[in-house]
PDB file of N, CA and C in Angstrom:
ATOM      1  N   MET A   1       0.736  -1.214   0.012  1.00  0.00           N
ATOM      2  CA  MET A   1       0.158  -0.025   0.041  1.00  0.00           C
ATOM      3  C   MET A   1       0.830   1.113   0.008  1.00  0.00           C
ATOM      4  N   SER A   2       0.806   2.004  -0.839  1.00  0.00           N
ATOM      5  CA  SER A   2       1.538   3.284  -0.474  1.00  0.00           C
ATOM      6  C   SER A   2       1.079   3.978   0.017  1.00  0.00           C
ATOM      7  N   ILE A   3       2.024   5.163   0.497  1.00  0.00           N
ATOM      8  CA  ILE A   3       1.496   6.356   1.710  1.00  0.00           C
ATOM      9  C   ILE A   3       0.141   7.186   1.306  1.00  0.00           C
ATOM     10  N   LEU A   4       0.125   7.069   0.066  1.00  0.00           N
ATOM     11  CA  LEU A   4      -1.314   8.116  -0.591  1.00  0.00           C
ATOM     12  C   LEU A   4      -2.394   7.304  -0.245  1.00  0.00           C
ATOM     13  N   GLU A   5      -2.313   6.081  -0.160  1.00  0.00           N
ATOM     14  CA  GLU A   5      -3.574   4.787   0.087  1.00  0.00           C
ATOM     15  C   GLU A   5      -3.587   4.984   1.658  1.00  0.00           C
ATOM     16  N   MET A   6      -2.748   5.236   2.341  1.00  0.00           N
ATOM     17  CA  MET A   6      -2.856   4.897   3.953  1.00  0.00           C
ATOM     18  C   MET A   6      -3.941   5.511   4.192  1.00  0.00           C
ATOM     19  N   PRO A   7      -4.561   5.101   5.170  1.00  0.00           N
ATOM     20  CA  PRO A   7      -5.690   6.008   6.025  1.00  0.00           C
ATOM     21  C   PRO A   7      -5.036   7.370   7.048  1.00  0.00           C
ATOM     22  N   ASN A   8      -5.321   8.600   6.863  1.00  0.00           N
ATOM     23  CA  ASN A   8      -5.069   9.388   7.947  1.00  0.00           C
ATOM     24  C   ASN A   8      -5.124   8.914   9.289  1.00  0.00           C
ATOM     25  N   PRO A   9      -3.866   8.508  10.097  1.00  0.00           N
ATOM     26  CA  PRO A   9      -3.753   8.150  11.336  1.00  0.00           C
ATOM     27  C   PRO A   9      -4.523   8.923  12.227  1.00  0.00           C
ATOM     28  N   SER A  10      -4.886  10.115  12.094  1.00  0.00           N
ATOM     29  CA  SER A  10      -5.766  10.895  13.016  1.00  0.00           C
ATOM     30  C   SER A  10      -7.113  10.552  12.851  1.00  0.00           C
ATOM     31  N   GLU A  11      -7.249  10.304  11.435  1.00  0.00           N
ATOM     32  CA  GLU A  11      -9.061   9.925  11.181  1.00  0.00           C
ATOM     33  C   GLU A  11      -9.265   8.720  11.924  1.00  0.00           C
ATOM     34  N   VAL A  12      -8.513   7.813  11.649  1.00  0.00           N
ATOM     35  CA  VAL A  12      -8.335   6.333  12.303  1.00  0.00           C
ATOM     36  C   VAL A  12      -8.438   6.367  13.643  1.00  0.00           C
ATOM     37  N   LEU A  13      -7.859   7.160  14.196  1.00  0.00           N
ATOM     38  CA  LEU A  13      -7.723   6.995  15.808  1.00  0.00           C
ATOM     39  C   LEU A  13      -9.241   7.880  16.371  1.00  0.00           C
ATOM     40  N   ARG A  14      -9.601   8.811  15.457  1.00  0.00           N
ATOM     41  CA  ARG A  14     -10.719   9.540  15.794  1.00  0.00           C
ATOM     42  C   ARG A  14     -12.089   8.178  15.412  1.00  0.00           C
ATOM     43  N   ALA A  15     -11.929   7.741  14.744  1.00  0.00           N
ATOM     44  CA  ALA A  15     -13.134   6.346  14.573  1.00  0.00           C
ATOM     45  C   ALA A  15     -13.149   5.648  15.706  1.00  0.00           C
ATOM     46  N   VAL A  16     -11.723   5.427  16.178  1.00  0.00           N
ATOM     47  CA  VAL A  16     -11.477   4.103  17.177  1.00  0.00           C
ATOM     48  C   VAL A  16     -12.194   5.012  18.712  1.00  0.00           C
ATOM     49  N   VAL A  17     -11.961   6.163  18.760  1.00  0.00           N
ATOM     50  CA  VAL A  17     -12.287   6.556  20.280  1.00  0.00           C
ATOM     51  C   VAL A  17     -13.588   7.386  20.481  1.00  0.00           C
ATOM     52  N   GLU A  18     -14.013   7.320  19.289  1.00  0.00           N
ATOM     53  CA  GLU A  18     -15.738   7.999  19.127  1.00  0.00           C
ATOM     54  C   GLU A  18     -16.437   7.031  19.977  1.00  0.00           C
ATOM     55  N   GLY A  19     -17.086   8.130  21.019  1.00  0.00           N
ATOM     56  CA  GLY A  19     -17.647   7.805  22.264  1.00  0.00           C
ATOM     57  C   GLY A  19     -17.487   7.562  23.527  1.00  0.00           C
ATOM     58  N   SER A  20     -15.875   7.812  23.647  1.00  0.00           N
ATOM     59  CA  SER A  20     -15.234   7.529  24.644  1.00  0.00           C
ATOM     60  C   SER A  20     -14.979   8.998  24.955  1.00  0.00           C
ATOM     61  N   VAL A  21     -14.303   8.722  26.427  1.00  0.00           N
ATOM     62  CA  VAL A  21     -13.683  10.282  26.906  1.00  0.00           C
ATOM     63  C   VAL A  21     -12.405  10.793  26.127  1.00  0.00           C
ATOM     64  N   TYR A  22     -11.819   9.616  25.090  1.00  0.00           N
ATOM     65  CA  TYR A  22     -10.654   9.736  24.581  1.00  0.00           C
ATOM     66  C   TYR A  22     -10.896  10.617  23.104  1.00  0.00           C
ATOM     67  N   SER A  23     -12.364  10.944  23.037  1.00  0.00           N
ATOM     68  CA  SER A  23     -12.882  12.150  21.816  1.00  0.00           C
ATOM     69  C   SER A  23     -12.442  12.999  22.100  1.00  0.00           C
ATOM     70  N   GLN A  24     -12.457  13.572  23.614  1.00  0.00           N
ATOM     71  CA  GLN A  24     -12.096  15.013  23.558  1.00  0.00           C
ATOM     72  C   GLN A  24     -10.883  15.645  23.380  1.00  0.00           C
ATOM     73  N   PRO A  25     -10.707  16.841  22.845  1.00  0.00           N
ATOM     74  CA  PRO A  25      -9.368  17.209  22.593  1.00  0.00           C
ATOM     75  C   PRO A  25      -8.357  17.222  23.379  1.00  0.00           C
ATOM     76  N   ASP A  26      -8.854  17.252  24.938  1.00  0.00           N
ATOM     77  CA  ASP A  26      -7.471  17.156  25.853  1.00  0.00           C
ATOM     78  C   ASP A  26      -7.144  16.006  26.213  1.00  0.00           C
ATOM     79  N   ARG A  27      -7.690  14.818  25.557  1.00  0.00           N
ATOM     80  CA  ARG A  27      -7.540  13.298  26.118  1.00  0.00           C
ATOM     81  C   ARG A  27      -6.742  12.860  24.353  1.00  0.00           C
ATOM     82  N   PHE A  28      -7.478  13.186  23.292  1.00  0.00           N
ATOM     83  CA  PHE A  28      -7.317  12.857  21.836  1.00  0.00           C
ATOM     84  C   PHE A  28      -6.055  12.753  21.708  1.00  0.00           C
ATOM     85  N   THR A  29      -5.516  14.231  21.643  1.00  0.00           N
ATOM     86  CA  THR A  29      -4.131  14.826  21.493  1.00  0.00           C
ATOM     87  C   THR A  29      -2.914  14.007  22.072  1.00  0.00           C
ATOM     88  N   PRO A  30      -2.928  14.105  23.291  1.00  0.00           N
ATOM     89  CA  PRO A  30      -2.131  13.266  24.152  1.00  0.00           C
ATOM     90  C   PRO A  30      -2.079  11.665  23.727  1.00  0.00           C
ATOM     91  N   LEU A  31      -2.957  11.582  23.418  1.00  0.00           N
ATOM     92  CA  LEU A  31      -3.035   9.909  22.925  1.00  0.00           C
ATOM     93  C   LEU A  31      -2.277   9.697  21.438  1.00  0.00           C
ATOM     94  N   LEU A  32      -3.046  10.719  20.761  1.00  0.00           N
ATOM     95  CA  LEU A  32      -2.241  10.734  19.440  1.00  0.00           C
ATOM     96  C   LEU A  32      -0.381  10.723  19.575  1.00  0.00           C
ATOM     97  N   HIS A  33      -0.265  11.910  20.262  1.00  0.00           N
ATOM     98  CA  HIS A  33       1.363  11.734  20.300  1.00  0.00           C
ATOM     99  C   HIS A  33       1.831  10.585  21.495  1.00  0.00           C
ATOM    100  N   ASP A  34       1.346  10.025  22.288  1.00  0.00           N
ATOM    101  CA  ASP A  34       1.891   8.715  22.691  1.00  0.00           C
ATOM    102  C   ASP A  34       2.026   7.799  21.727  1.00  0.00           C
ATOM    103  N   ILE A  35       1.063   7.207  20.487  1.00  0.00           N
ATOM    104  CA  ILE A  35       1.157   6.645  19.691  1.00  0.00           C
ATOM    105  C   ILE A  35       2.238   6.795  18.627  1.00  0.00           C
ATOM    106  N   ARG A  36       2.351   8.055  18.561  1.00  0.00           N
ATOM    107  CA  ARG A  36       3.585   8.490  17.460  1.00  0.00           C
ATOM    108  C   ARG A  36       4.985   8.253  18.722  1.00  0.00           C
ATOM    109  N   SER A  37       4.812   8.575  19.474  1.00  0.00           N
ATOM    110  CA  SER A  37       6.298   8.441  20.513  1.00  0.00           C
ATOM    111  C   SER A  37       6.739   6.647  20.349  1.00  0.00           C
ATOM    112  N   LEU A  38       5.363   5.953  20.590  1.00  0.00           N
ATOM    113  CA  LEU A  38       5.879   4.278  21.025  1.00  0.00           C
ATOM    114  C   LEU A  38       6.484   4.155  19.256  1.00  0.00           C
ATOM    115  N   LEU A  39       5.588   4.394  18.331  1.00  0.00           N
ATOM    116  CA  LEU A  39       6.130   4.141  17.034  1.00  0.00           C
ATOM    117  C   LEU A  39       7.921   5.150  16.892  1.00  0.00           C
ATOM    118  N   ARG A  40       7.675   6.067  17.004  1.00  0.00           N
ATOM    119  CA  ARG A  40       9.045   5.938  16.869  1.00  0.00           C
ATOM    120  C   ARG A  40      10.515   5.686  17.862  1.00  0.00           C
ATOM    121  N   SER A  41       9.822   4.981  19.062  1.00  0.00           N
ATOM    122  CA  SER A  41      10.606   3.797  19.889  1.00  0.00           C
ATOM    123  C   SER A  41      10.826   2.717  19.514  1.00  0.00           C
ATOM    124  N   LEU A  42      10.427   2.374  18.381  1.00  0.00           N
ATOM    125  CA  LEU A  42      10.211   0.884  17.949  1.00  0.00           C
ATOM    126  C   LEU A  42      11.729   0.481  16.710  1.00  0.00           C
ATOM    127  N   GLY A  43      11.692  -0.528  16.331  1.00  0.00           N
ATOM    128  CA  GLY A  43      12.432  -0.916  14.917  1.00  0.00           C
ATOM    129  C   GLY A  43      11.163  -0.665  14.155  1.00  0.00           C
ATOM    130  N   GLY A  44      12.115   0.013  13.049  1.00  0.00           N
ATOM    131  CA  GLY A  44      10.782  -0.015  11.898  1.00  0.00           C
ATOM    132  C   GLY A  44      10.121  -1.351  11.075  1.00  0.00           C
ATOM    133  N   ASP A  45      10.485  -2.223  11.306  1.00  0.00           N
ATOM    134  CA  ASP A  45       9.945  -3.351  10.798  1.00  0.00           C
ATOM    135  C   ASP A  45       8.953  -4.301  11.644  1.00  0.00           C
ATOM    136  N   VAL A  46       8.615  -3.390  13.035  1.00  0.00           N
ATOM    137  CA  VAL A  46       7.551  -3.937  13.560  1.00  0.00           C
ATOM    138  C   VAL A  46       6.076  -3.717  13.064  1.00  0.00           C
ATOM    139  N   THR A  47       5.453  -4.777  13.031  1.00  0.00           N
ATOM    140  CA  THR A  47       4.111  -4.584  12.274  1.00  0.00           C
ATOM    141  C   THR A  47       3.099  -4.545  13.160  1.00  0.00           C
ATOM    142  N   ALA A  48       1.843  -3.475  12.669  1.00  0.00           N
ATOM    143  CA  ALA A  48       0.820  -3.474  13.150  1.00  0.00           C
ATOM    144  C   ALA A  48      -0.080  -4.469  13.751  1.00  0.00           C
ATOM    145  N   GLY A  49       0.130  -5.683  13.235  1.00  0.00           N
ATOM    146  CA  GLY A  49      -0.481  -6.894  14.126  1.00  0.00           C
ATOM    147  C   GLY A  49       0.377  -7.053  15.160  1.00  0.00           C
ATOM    148  N   SER A  50       1.744  -7.085  15.134  1.00  0.00           N
ATOM    149  CA  SER A  50       2.383  -7.566  16.290  1.00  0.00           C
ATOM    150  C   SER A  50       2.189  -6.251  17.306  1.00  0.00           C
ATOM    151  N   LEU A  51       2.111  -5.070  16.921  1.00  0.00           N
ATOM    152  CA  LEU A  51       1.953  -3.681  17.744  1.00  0.00           C
ATOM    153  C   LEU A  51       0.430  -3.974  18.549  1.00  0.00           C
ATOM    154  N   ALA A  52      -0.402  -4.444  17.926  1.00  0.00           N
ATOM    155  CA  ALA A  52      -1.908  -4.425  18.435  1.00  0.00           C
ATOM    156  C   ALA A  52      -1.981  -5.750  19.459  1.00  0.00           C
ATOM    157  N   HIS A  53      -1.367  -6.766  19.108  1.00  0.00           N
ATOM    158  CA  HIS A  53      -0.919  -7.781  19.948  1.00  0.00           C
ATOM    159  C   HIS A  53      -0.344  -7.347  21.405  1.00  0.00           C
ATOM    160  N   THR A  54       0.807  -6.893  21.388  1.00  0.00           N
ATOM    161  CA  THR A  54       1.706  -6.702  22.032  1.00  0.00           C
ATOM    162  C   THR A  54       0.957  -5.598  23.235  1.00  0.00           C
ATOM    163  N   VAL A  55       0.806  -4.735  22.232  1.00  0.00           N
ATOM    164  CA  VAL A  55      -0.140  -3.350  23.000  1.00  0.00           C
ATOM    165  C   VAL A  55      -1.196  -4.323  24.049  1.00  0.00           C
ATOM    166  N   ARG A  56      -1.974  -4.772  23.460  1.00  0.00           N
ATOM    167  CA  ARG A  56      -3.145  -5.430  24.372  1.00  0.00           C
ATOM    168  C   ARG A  56      -2.648  -6.370  25.517  1.00  0.00           C
ATOM    169  N   GLN A  57      -1.665  -6.876  25.310  1.00  0.00           N
ATOM    170  CA  GLN A  57      -0.899  -7.789  26.016  1.00  0.00           C
ATOM    171  C   GLN A  57      -0.539  -6.824  27.716  1.00  0.00           C
ATOM    172  N   GLY A  58      -0.215  -5.577  27.131  1.00  0.00           N
ATOM    173  CA  GLY A  58       0.174  -4.813  28.326  1.00  0.00           C
ATOM    174  C   GLY A  58       1.933  -4.574  28.405  1.00  0.00           C
ATOM    175  N   VAL A  59       2.334  -4.788  27.256  1.00  0.00           N
ATOM    176  CA  VAL A  59       3.837  -4.774  27.470  1.00  0.00           C
ATOM    177  C   VAL A  59       4.093  -3.068  26.857  1.00  0.00           C
ATOM    178  N   TYR A  60       5.169  -2.637  26.669  1.00  0.00           N
ATOM    179  CA  TYR A  60       5.564  -1.319  26.801  1.00  0.00           C
ATOM    180  C   TYR A  60       5.216  -0.466  27.715  1.00  0.00           C
ATOM    181  N   PHE A  61       4.795   0.549  27.788  1.00  0.00           N
ATOM    182  CA  PHE A  61       4.563   1.095  28.964  1.00  0.00           C
ATOM    183  C   PHE A  61       3.089   1.275  29.254  1.00  0.00           C
ATOM    184  N   LEU A  62       2.201   0.034  28.923  1.00  0.00           N
ATOM    185  CA  LEU A  62       0.693  -0.006  29.407  1.00  0.00           C
ATOM    186  C   LEU A  62       0.817  -1.144  29.908  1.00  0.00           C
ATOM    187  N   ARG A  63       1.140  -1.454  31.460  1.00  0.00           N
ATOM    188  CA  ARG A  63       1.111  -2.726  31.888  1.00  0.00           C
ATOM    189  C   ARG A  63      -0.233  -3.232  32.697  1.00  0.00           C
ATOM    190  N   THR A  64      -1.348  -2.195  32.671  1.00  0.00           N
ATOM    191  CA  THR A  64      -2.484  -2.514  33.462  1.00  0.00           C
ATOM    192  C   THR A  64      -3.597  -2.252  32.501  1.00  0.00           C
ATOM    193  N   ALA A  65      -4.418  -3.410  32.777  1.00  0.00           N
ATOM    194  CA  ALA A  65      -5.855  -3.018  31.916  1.00  0.00           C
ATOM    195  C   ALA A  65      -6.313  -1.934  32.202  1.00  0.00           C
ATOM    196  N   HIS A  66      -6.595  -1.055  30.869  1.00  0.00           N
ATOM    197  CA  HIS A  66      -7.207  -0.337  30.883  1.00  0.00           C
ATOM    198  C   HIS A  66      -7.616   0.172  29.434  1.00  0.00           C
ATOM    199  N   GLN A  67      -8.665   1.278  29.405  1.00  0.00           N
ATOM    200  CA  GLN A  67      -9.574   1.343  28.000  1.00  0.00           C
ATOM    201  C   GLN A  67      -8.618   2.339  27.276  1.00  0.00           C
ATOM    202  N   ARG A  68      -7.859   3.226  27.520  1.00  0.00           N
ATOM    203  CA  ARG A  68      -6.260   3.841  26.550  1.00  0.00           C
ATOM    204  C   ARG A  68      -5.594   2.679  26.028  1.00  0.00           C
ATOM    205  N   ARG A  69      -5.343   1.693  27.031  1.00  0.00           N
ATOM    206  CA  ARG A  69      -4.229   0.659  26.167  1.00  0.00           C
ATOM    207  C   ARG A  69      -5.495  -0.319  24.872  1.00  0.00           C
ATOM    208  N   ASP A  70      -6.601  -0.334  25.411  1.00  0.00           N
ATOM    209  CA  ASP A  70      -7.127  -0.987  24.517  1.00  0.00           C
ATOM    210  C   ASP A  70      -7.667  -0.207  23.061  1.00  0.00           C
ATOM    211  N   LEU A  71      -7.709   1.163  23.254  1.00  0.00           N
ATOM    212  CA  LEU A  71      -8.155   1.837  22.067  1.00  0.00           C
ATOM    213  C   LEU A  71      -6.930   1.929  21.265  1.00  0.00           C
ATOM    214  N   MET A  72      -5.414   1.699  21.871  1.00  0.00           N
ATOM    215  CA  MET A  72      -4.142   1.917  21.085  1.00  0.00           C
ATOM    216  C   MET A  72      -4.143   0.643  20.304  1.00  0.00           C
ATOM    217  N   ALA A  73      -4.644  -0.427  21.066  1.00  0.00           N
ATOM    218  CA  ALA A  73      -4.322  -1.684  20.046  1.00  0.00           C
ATOM    219  C   ALA A  73      -5.070  -1.797  19.284  1.00  0.00           C
ATOM    220  N   GLU A  74      -6.741  -1.322  19.606  1.00  0.00           N
ATOM    221  CA  GLU A  74      -7.609  -1.210  18.413  1.00  0.00           C
ATOM    222  C   GLU A  74      -7.053  -0.444  16.917  1.00  0.00           C
ATOM    223  N   PHE A  75      -6.474   0.774  17.514  1.00  0.00           N
ATOM    224  CA  PHE A  75      -5.906   1.586  16.801  1.00  0.00           C
ATOM    225  C   PHE A  75      -5.062   1.057  15.902  1.00  0.00           C
ATOM    226  N   PHE A  76      -4.061   0.203  16.280  1.00  0.00           N
ATOM    227  CA  PHE A  76      -3.212  -0.848  15.077  1.00  0.00           C
ATOM    228  C   PHE A  76      -3.901  -1.505  14.599  1.00  0.00           C
ATOM    229  N   GLU A  77      -4.970  -2.375  15.186  1.00  0.00           N
ATOM    230  CA  GLU A  77      -6.002  -3.197  14.475  1.00  0.00           C
ATOM    231  C   GLU A  77      -6.555  -2.790  12.893  1.00  0.00           C
ATOM    232  N   SER A  78      -6.327  -1.380  13.245  1.00  0.00           N
ATOM    233  CA  SER A  78      -7.419  -0.603  12.004  1.00  0.00           C
ATOM    234  C   SER A  78      -6.530  -0.888  10.662  1.00  0.00           C
ATOM    235  N   TYR A  79      -5.320  -1.216  11.035  1.00  0.00           N
ATOM    236  CA  TYR A  79      -4.260  -1.223   9.774  1.00  0.00           C
ATOM    237  C   TYR A  79      -3.931  -2.522   9.321  1.00  0.00           C
ATOM    238  N   PRO A  80      -3.624  -2.983   8.019  1.00  0.00           N
ATOM    239  CA  PRO A  80      -3.371  -3.866   7.856  1.00  0.00           C
ATOM    240  C   PRO A  80      -2.094  -5.024   8.408  1.00  0.00           C
ATOM    241  N   GLN A  81      -1.978  -6.150   8.810  1.00  0.00           N
ATOM    242  CA  GLN A  81      -1.400  -6.706   9.869  1.00  0.00           C
ATOM    243  C   GLN A  81       0.054  -6.665   9.207  1.00  0.00           C
ATOM    244  N   ALA A  82       0.344  -6.493   8.110  1.00  0.00           N
ATOM    245  CA  ALA A  82       1.878  -6.657   7.669  1.00  0.00           C
ATOM    246  C   ALA A  82       2.197  -5.183   7.355  1.00  0.00           C
ATOM    247  N   MET A  83       1.650  -4.230   7.863  1.00  0.00           N
ATOM    248  CA  MET A  83       2.133  -2.467   7.907  1.00  0.00           C
ATOM    249  C   MET A  83       3.157  -2.414   8.861  1.00  0.00           C
ATOM    250  N   THR A  84       3.961  -1.524   8.457  1.00  0.00           N
ATOM    251  CA  THR A  84       5.293  -1.704   9.403  1.00  0.00           C
ATOM    252  C   THR A  84       4.939  -0.269  10.287  1.00  0.00           C
ATOM    253  N   ALA A  85       5.436   0.039  11.802  1.00  0.00           N
ATOM    254  CA  ALA A  85       5.575   0.842  12.219  1.00  0.00           C
ATOM    255  C   ALA A  85       6.135   2.210  11.301  1.00  0.00           C
ATOM    256  N   THR A  86       7.193   1.921  10.471  1.00  0.00           N
ATOM    257  CA  THR A  86       7.648   3.027   9.840  1.00  0.00           C
ATOM    258  C   THR A  86       6.504   3.620   8.826  1.00  0.00           C
ATOM    259  N   GLU A  87       5.695   2.675   8.144  1.00  0.00           N
ATOM    260  CA  GLU A  87       4.856   2.985   7.447  1.00  0.00           C
ATOM    261  C   GLU A  87       3.570   3.929   7.866  1.00  0.00           C
ATOM    262  N   ILE A  88       3.371   3.280   9.267  1.00  0.00           N
ATOM    263  CA  ILE A  88       2.388   4.041  10.087  1.00  0.00           C
ATOM    264  C   ILE A  88       2.959   5.573  10.446  1.00  0.00           C
ATOM    265  N   LEU A  89       3.933   5.726  10.921  1.00  0.00           N
ATOM    266  CA  LEU A  89       4.529   6.732  11.195  1.00  0.00           C
ATOM    267  C   LEU A  89       4.909   7.664   9.859  1.00  0.00           C
ATOM    268  N   LYS A  90       5.488   7.139   8.964  1.00  0.00           N
ATOM    269  CA  LYS A  90       5.598   8.365   8.004  1.00  0.00           C
ATOM    270  C   LYS A  90       4.480   8.643   7.389  1.00  0.00           C
ATOM    271  N   THR A  91       3.326   8.168   7.548  1.00  0.00           N
ATOM    272  CA  THR A  91       2.021   8.871   7.338  1.00  0.00           C
ATOM    273  C   THR A  91       1.178   9.885   8.267  1.00  0.00           C
ATOM    274  N   MET A  92       1.645   9.506   9.474  1.00  0.00           N
ATOM    275  CA  MET A  92       1.410  10.491  10.451  1.00  0.00           C
ATOM    276  C   MET A  92       2.222  11.632  10.451  1.00  0.00           C
ATOM    277  N   GLU A  93       3.510  11.490   9.733  1.00  0.00           N
ATOM    278  CA  GLU A  93       4.322  12.575   9.835  1.00  0.00           C
ATOM    279  C   GLU A  93       4.118  13.597   8.625  1.00  0.00           C
ATOM    280  N   ASN A  94       3.539  12.880   7.709  1.00  0.00           N
ATOM    281  CA  ASN A  94       3.140  13.500   6.406  1.00  0.00           C
ATOM    282  C   ASN A  94       1.603  14.233   6.482  1.00  0.00           C
ATOM    283  N   VAL A  95       1.001  14.134   7.466  1.00  0.00           N
ATOM    284  CA  VAL A  95      -0.074  14.753   7.477  1.00  0.00           C
ATOM    285  C   VAL A  95      -0.272  16.147   8.261  1.00  0.00           C
TER     286      VAL A  95
END
């Protein structure tokens, strides 16, 4: 999938958080920044499928069950499983 075909990460996250407290600007923006920070901290070949699973299991910085963690996992599940962290991050930074 080319970068032009990839969904806008902000729009993906807005759809994921719709109806939750994270749809409010004071919560949405920090959540988007945390996702971006996570993507920057990883190896570029980590896939969306792997990220979704790993985040949902509570690794990285989210070790306890929490709606925020689940929303982040759902964000990564919105992308094709084989899409890499680098590809998602590139789209985030080009928007």
